[in-house]
Amino acid sequence: IHCHTPATDASGIVKVVMDDLLEYFSEWKLPGHCRVSLACCLNMCGAVHCSDIAILGIHRKPPIINHDDVRTKCEIPNVIRILPDGAIRPDPRNKRIVNDEKC
């Protein structure tokens, strides 16, 4: 699944968690099946809330927009549409405005 708004990079967290839990899964120390999942953002596309243990990444700071890169590398309507609460909106000067209070 390709996430447009990840709050965290999953690889580091998954490595640390699995290193710590490896003995439980490799030596069958748990009484039954146990599912551990990680979601990189609050959208939880992978249904991590259905897992026994769910780890959830959250945004702590508002995004910083590099206006030149956005104009050349992103589809502007998709960038604005990703956040339904209107936290990123177009600016008349052909730039994007981030509303920090909504982030």
N, C-alpha and C. Protein backbone atom coordinates (compact mmCIF):
# COMPACT_ATOMS: atom_id res chain seq x y z
N ILE A 1 0.85 -1.17 0.00
CA ILE A 1 0.00 0.00 0.00
C ILE A 1 0.90 1.23 0.00
N HIS A 2 0.58 2.17 -0.86
CA HIS A 2 1.35 3.42 -0.92
C HIS A 2 0.62 4.49 -0.13
N CYS A 3 1.24 5.00 0.90
CA CYS A 3 0.62 6.00 1.76
C CYS A 3 1.09 7.39 1.35
N HIS A 4 0.16 8.31 1.17
CA HIS A 4 0.50 9.68 0.80
C HIS A 4 0.88 10.52 2.01
N THR A 5 0.47 10.12 3.20
CA THR A 5 0.69 10.95 4.38
C THR A 5 1.30 10.16 5.54
N PRO A 6 2.43 9.47 5.34
CA PRO A 6 2.99 8.73 6.46
C PRO A 6 3.53 9.67 7.53
N ALA A 7 3.30 9.31 8.76
CA ALA A 7 3.80 10.10 9.88
C ALA A 7 5.14 9.58 10.36
N THR A 8 5.45 8.35 10.03
CA THR A 8 6.69 7.75 10.48
C THR A 8 7.18 6.75 9.45
N ASP A 9 8.44 6.43 9.51
CA ASP A 9 9.01 5.40 8.66
C ASP A 9 8.92 4.08 9.41
N ALA A 10 8.27 3.12 8.83
CA ALA A 10 7.98 1.87 9.53
C ALA A 10 9.21 1.01 9.76
N SER A 11 10.20 1.06 8.90
CA SER A 11 11.29 0.09 8.96
C SER A 11 12.05 0.11 10.28
N GLY A 12 12.36 1.27 10.82
CA GLY A 12 13.10 1.34 12.07
C GLY A 12 12.31 0.81 13.25
N ILE A 13 11.05 1.19 13.33
CA ILE A 13 10.19 0.75 14.45
C ILE A 13 9.96 -0.75 14.38
N VAL A 14 9.68 -1.26 13.19
CA VAL A 14 9.43 -2.71 13.03
C VAL A 14 10.68 -3.49 13.41
N LYS A 15 11.84 -3.03 13.00
CA LYS A 15 13.09 -3.73 13.35
C LYS A 15 13.29 -3.80 14.86
N VAL A 16 13.09 -2.69 15.55
CA VAL A 16 13.27 -2.67 17.01
C VAL A 16 12.26 -3.58 17.70
N VAL A 17 11.00 -3.50 17.30
CA VAL A 17 9.95 -4.32 17.93
C VAL A 17 10.20 -5.80 17.67
N MET A 18 10.52 -6.17 16.44
CA MET A 18 10.73 -7.58 16.14
C MET A 18 12.00 -8.12 16.79
N ASP A 19 13.03 -7.30 16.91
CA ASP A 19 14.23 -7.75 17.64
C ASP A 19 13.89 -8.07 19.08
N ASP A 20 13.02 -7.27 19.67
CA ASP A 20 12.64 -7.48 21.07
C ASP A 20 11.69 -8.66 21.23
N LEU A 21 10.82 -8.89 20.26
CA LEU A 21 9.82 -9.96 20.37
C LEU A 21 10.23 -11.26 19.70
N LEU A 22 11.40 -11.32 19.10
CA LEU A 22 11.82 -12.49 18.33
C LEU A 22 11.75 -13.78 19.14
N GLU A 23 12.19 -13.76 20.37
CA GLU A 23 12.19 -14.98 21.17
C GLU A 23 10.78 -15.52 21.40
N TYR A 24 9.80 -14.65 21.50
CA TYR A 24 8.43 -15.10 21.71
C TYR A 24 7.87 -15.80 20.48
N PHE A 25 8.25 -15.32 19.30
CA PHE A 25 7.73 -15.91 18.07
C PHE A 25 8.55 -17.10 17.59
N SER A 26 9.85 -17.11 17.85
CA SER A 26 10.68 -18.21 17.37
C SER A 26 10.63 -19.42 18.30
N GLU A 27 10.36 -19.22 19.58
CA GLU A 27 10.33 -20.33 20.53
C GLU A 27 8.92 -20.69 20.98
N TRP A 28 7.93 -20.13 20.33
CA TRP A 28 6.51 -20.44 20.61
C TRP A 28 6.17 -20.26 22.09
N LYS A 29 6.55 -19.13 22.68
CA LYS A 29 6.28 -18.88 24.09
C LYS A 29 4.88 -18.34 24.35
N LEU A 30 4.20 -17.92 23.30
CA LEU A 30 2.86 -17.35 23.47
C LEU A 30 1.81 -18.45 23.44
N PRO A 31 0.71 -18.31 24.18
CA PRO A 31 -0.31 -19.36 24.24
C PRO A 31 -1.12 -19.51 22.95
N GLY A 32 -1.09 -18.53 22.08
CA GLY A 32 -1.85 -18.60 20.83
C GLY A 32 -1.24 -17.66 19.81
N HIS A 33 -1.91 -17.55 18.67
CA HIS A 33 -1.43 -16.65 17.63
C HIS A 33 -1.49 -15.21 18.12
N CYS A 34 -0.50 -14.43 17.75
CA CYS A 34 -0.45 -13.02 18.13
C CYS A 34 -0.06 -12.22 16.89
N ARG A 35 -0.87 -11.20 16.59
CA ARG A 35 -0.61 -10.37 15.42
C ARG A 35 -0.14 -8.99 15.89
N VAL A 36 1.02 -8.57 15.39
CA VAL A 36 1.58 -7.26 15.70
C VAL A 36 1.61 -6.47 14.39
N SER A 37 1.05 -5.26 14.40
CA SER A 37 1.00 -4.44 13.19
C SER A 37 1.43 -3.02 13.49
N LEU A 38 1.89 -2.34 12.44
CA LEU A 38 2.29 -0.94 12.55
C LEU A 38 1.58 -0.13 11.48
N ALA A 39 0.99 0.98 11.87
CA ALA A 39 0.39 1.92 10.93
C ALA A 39 1.25 3.17 10.93
N CYS A 40 1.56 3.66 9.75
CA CYS A 40 2.42 4.84 9.64
C CYS A 40 1.67 6.15 9.83
N CYS A 41 0.33 6.10 9.88
CA CYS A 41 -0.45 7.32 10.07
C CYS A 41 -1.80 6.96 10.68
N LEU A 42 -2.59 7.96 10.98
CA LEU A 42 -3.89 7.73 11.63
C LEU A 42 -4.93 7.12 10.71
N ASN A 43 -4.68 7.08 9.39
CA ASN A 43 -5.65 6.49 8.47
C ASN A 43 -5.77 4.98 8.66
N MET A 44 -4.72 4.35 9.13
CA MET A 44 -4.68 2.91 9.41
C MET A 44 -5.19 2.08 8.23
N CYS A 45 -4.60 2.28 7.05
CA CYS A 45 -5.02 1.57 5.84
C CYS A 45 -4.93 0.05 5.98
N GLY A 46 -3.98 -0.44 6.72
CA GLY A 46 -3.77 -1.87 6.85
C GLY A 46 -4.58 -2.53 7.94
N ALA A 47 -5.58 -1.86 8.48
CA ALA A 47 -6.46 -2.39 9.52
C ALA A 47 -5.68 -2.88 10.74
N VAL A 48 -4.73 -2.08 11.18
CA VAL A 48 -3.93 -2.47 12.34
C VAL A 48 -4.76 -2.53 13.61
N HIS A 49 -5.88 -1.85 13.63
CA HIS A 49 -6.73 -1.88 14.82
C HIS A 49 -7.32 -3.26 15.05
N CYS A 50 -7.23 -4.14 14.07
CA CYS A 50 -7.72 -5.52 14.22
C CYS A 50 -6.64 -6.44 14.80
N SER A 51 -5.47 -5.92 15.06
CA SER A 51 -4.36 -6.73 15.57
C SER A 51 -4.40 -6.83 17.08
N ASP A 52 -3.64 -7.79 17.60
CA ASP A 52 -3.52 -7.93 19.05
C ASP A 52 -2.70 -6.78 19.63
N ILE A 53 -1.63 -6.42 18.94
CA ILE A 53 -0.80 -5.29 19.34
C ILE A 53 -0.70 -4.37 18.13
N ALA A 54 -1.11 -3.11 18.29
CA ALA A 54 -1.05 -2.15 17.19
C ALA A 54 -0.17 -0.97 17.60
N ILE A 55 0.73 -0.60 16.72
CA ILE A 55 1.60 0.55 16.93
C ILE A 55 1.19 1.58 15.89
N LEU A 56 1.00 2.82 16.33
CA LEU A 56 0.46 3.85 15.45
C LEU A 56 1.37 5.07 15.42
N GLY A 57 1.78 5.48 14.22
CA GLY A 57 2.58 6.69 14.07
C GLY A 57 1.68 7.90 13.99
N ILE A 58 2.10 8.99 14.61
CA ILE A 58 1.30 10.21 14.57
C ILE A 58 2.16 11.38 14.11
N HIS A 59 1.52 12.37 13.50
CA HIS A 59 2.21 13.60 13.11
C HIS A 59 2.37 14.47 14.34
N ARG A 60 3.57 14.96 14.59
CA ARG A 60 3.81 15.83 15.74
C ARG A 60 4.00 17.28 15.33
N LYS A 61 4.40 17.52 14.10
CA LYS A 61 4.65 18.88 13.63
C LYS A 61 3.93 19.10 12.31
N PRO A 62 3.51 20.32 12.03
CA PRO A 62 2.89 20.60 10.73
C PRO A 62 3.89 20.42 9.60
N PRO A 63 3.42 20.07 8.40
CA PRO A 63 4.35 19.87 7.29
C PRO A 63 4.98 21.18 6.84
N ILE A 64 6.19 21.08 6.33
CA ILE A 64 6.87 22.22 5.74
C ILE A 64 6.85 22.01 4.23
N ILE A 65 6.38 23.00 3.51
CA ILE A 65 6.22 22.85 2.06
C ILE A 65 7.37 23.54 1.34
N ASN A 66 8.03 22.80 0.47
CA ASN A 66 9.01 23.37 -0.44
C ASN A 66 8.24 23.69 -1.72
N HIS A 67 7.84 24.94 -1.90
CA HIS A 67 6.92 25.33 -2.96
C HIS A 67 7.45 25.00 -4.36
N ASP A 68 8.74 25.12 -4.58
CA ASP A 68 9.29 24.82 -5.90
C ASP A 68 9.17 23.34 -6.23
N ASP A 69 9.44 22.47 -5.25
CA ASP A 69 9.31 21.03 -5.48
C ASP A 69 7.86 20.61 -5.67
N VAL A 70 6.96 21.18 -4.90
CA VAL A 70 5.54 20.82 -5.02
C VAL A 70 5.04 21.15 -6.42
N ARG A 71 5.41 22.30 -6.93
CA ARG A 71 4.94 22.73 -8.24
C ARG A 71 5.42 21.80 -9.35
N THR A 72 6.62 21.24 -9.23
CA THR A 72 7.19 20.42 -10.30
C THR A 72 7.02 18.92 -10.09
N LYS A 73 6.78 18.46 -8.86
CA LYS A 73 6.77 17.02 -8.59
C LYS A 73 5.45 16.47 -8.10
N CYS A 74 4.49 17.32 -7.74
CA CYS A 74 3.23 16.84 -7.16
C CYS A 74 2.04 17.31 -7.97
N GLU A 75 0.98 16.54 -7.92
CA GLU A 75 -0.28 16.97 -8.49
C GLU A 75 -0.98 17.79 -7.41
N ILE A 76 -1.08 19.09 -7.62
CA ILE A 76 -1.58 20.01 -6.60
C ILE A 76 -2.97 19.62 -6.07
N PRO A 77 -3.94 19.26 -6.93
CA PRO A 77 -5.26 18.88 -6.37
C PRO A 77 -5.17 17.69 -5.41
N ASN A 78 -4.28 16.73 -5.69
CA ASN A 78 -4.12 15.59 -4.79
C ASN A 78 -3.51 16.01 -3.45
N VAL A 79 -2.56 16.92 -3.49
CA VAL A 79 -1.93 17.40 -2.25
C VAL A 79 -2.97 18.06 -1.36
N ILE A 80 -3.84 18.87 -1.96
CA ILE A 80 -4.86 19.59 -1.19
C ILE A 80 -5.96 18.64 -0.74
N ARG A 81 -6.33 17.68 -1.58
CA ARG A 81 -7.44 16.77 -1.29
C ARG A 81 -7.09 15.74 -0.21
N ILE A 82 -5.83 15.44 -0.01
CA ILE A 82 -5.43 14.42 0.97
C ILE A 82 -5.93 14.77 2.36
N LEU A 83 -5.90 16.04 2.72
CA LEU A 83 -6.34 16.47 4.05
C LEU A 83 -7.75 17.04 3.96
N PRO A 84 -8.76 16.28 4.37
CA PRO A 84 -10.14 16.72 4.20
C PRO A 84 -10.52 17.93 5.04
N ASP A 85 -9.76 18.24 6.08
CA ASP A 85 -10.11 19.38 6.93
C ASP A 85 -9.57 20.70 6.41
N GLY A 86 -8.95 20.70 5.24
CA GLY A 86 -8.49 21.94 4.62
C GLY A 86 -7.24 22.52 5.25
N ALA A 87 -6.39 21.69 5.82
CA ALA A 87 -5.18 22.19 6.46
C ALA A 87 -4.19 22.74 5.43
N ILE A 88 -4.20 22.18 4.22
CA ILE A 88 -3.38 22.71 3.14
C ILE A 88 -4.34 23.24 2.08
N ARG A 89 -4.16 24.50 1.71
CA ARG A 89 -5.06 25.09 0.72
C ARG A 89 -4.24 25.94 -0.25
N PRO A 90 -4.79 26.20 -1.45
CA PRO A 90 -4.04 27.01 -2.42
C PRO A 90 -3.96 28.47 -1.99
N ASP A 91 -2.91 29.11 -2.43
CA ASP A 91 -2.69 30.53 -2.17
C ASP A 91 -2.77 31.26 -3.51
N PRO A 92 -3.35 32.45 -3.56
CA PRO A 92 -3.45 33.17 -4.84
C PRO A 92 -2.10 33.43 -5.52
N ARG A 93 -1.01 33.42 -4.78
CA ARG A 93 0.32 33.65 -5.37
C ARG A 93 0.91 32.36 -5.94
N ASN A 94 0.06 31.37 -6.24
CA ASN A 94 0.49 30.09 -6.82
C ASN A 94 1.39 29.31 -5.86
N LYS A 95 1.07 29.38 -4.58
CA LYS A 95 1.78 28.60 -3.58
C LYS A 95 0.75 27.90 -2.70
N ARG A 96 1.19 27.13 -1.73
CA ARG A 96 0.29 26.44 -0.81
C ARG A 96 0.44 27.07 0.56
N ILE A 97 -0.67 27.10 1.31
CA ILE A 97 -0.66 27.61 2.67
C ILE A 97 -1.00 26.46 3.61
N VAL A 98 -0.23 26.30 4.68
CA VAL A 98 -0.49 25.28 5.68
C VAL A 98 -1.10 25.96 6.89
N ASN A 99 -2.29 25.50 7.30
CA ASN A 99 -2.95 26.01 8.49
C ASN A 99 -2.47 25.16 9.67
N ASP A 100 -1.54 25.69 10.46
CA ASP A 100 -0.93 24.92 11.56
C ASP A 100 -1.94 24.47 12.61
N GLU A 101 -2.99 25.23 12.83
CA GLU A 101 -3.98 24.87 13.84
C GLU A 101 -4.76 23.62 13.47
N LYS A 102 -4.91 23.34 12.17
CA LYS A 102 -5.66 22.16 11.73
C LYS A 102 -4.78 20.93 11.62
N CYS A 103 -3.47 21.11 11.69
CA CYS A 103 -2.56 19.97 11.56
C CYS A 103 -2.38 19.28 12.90
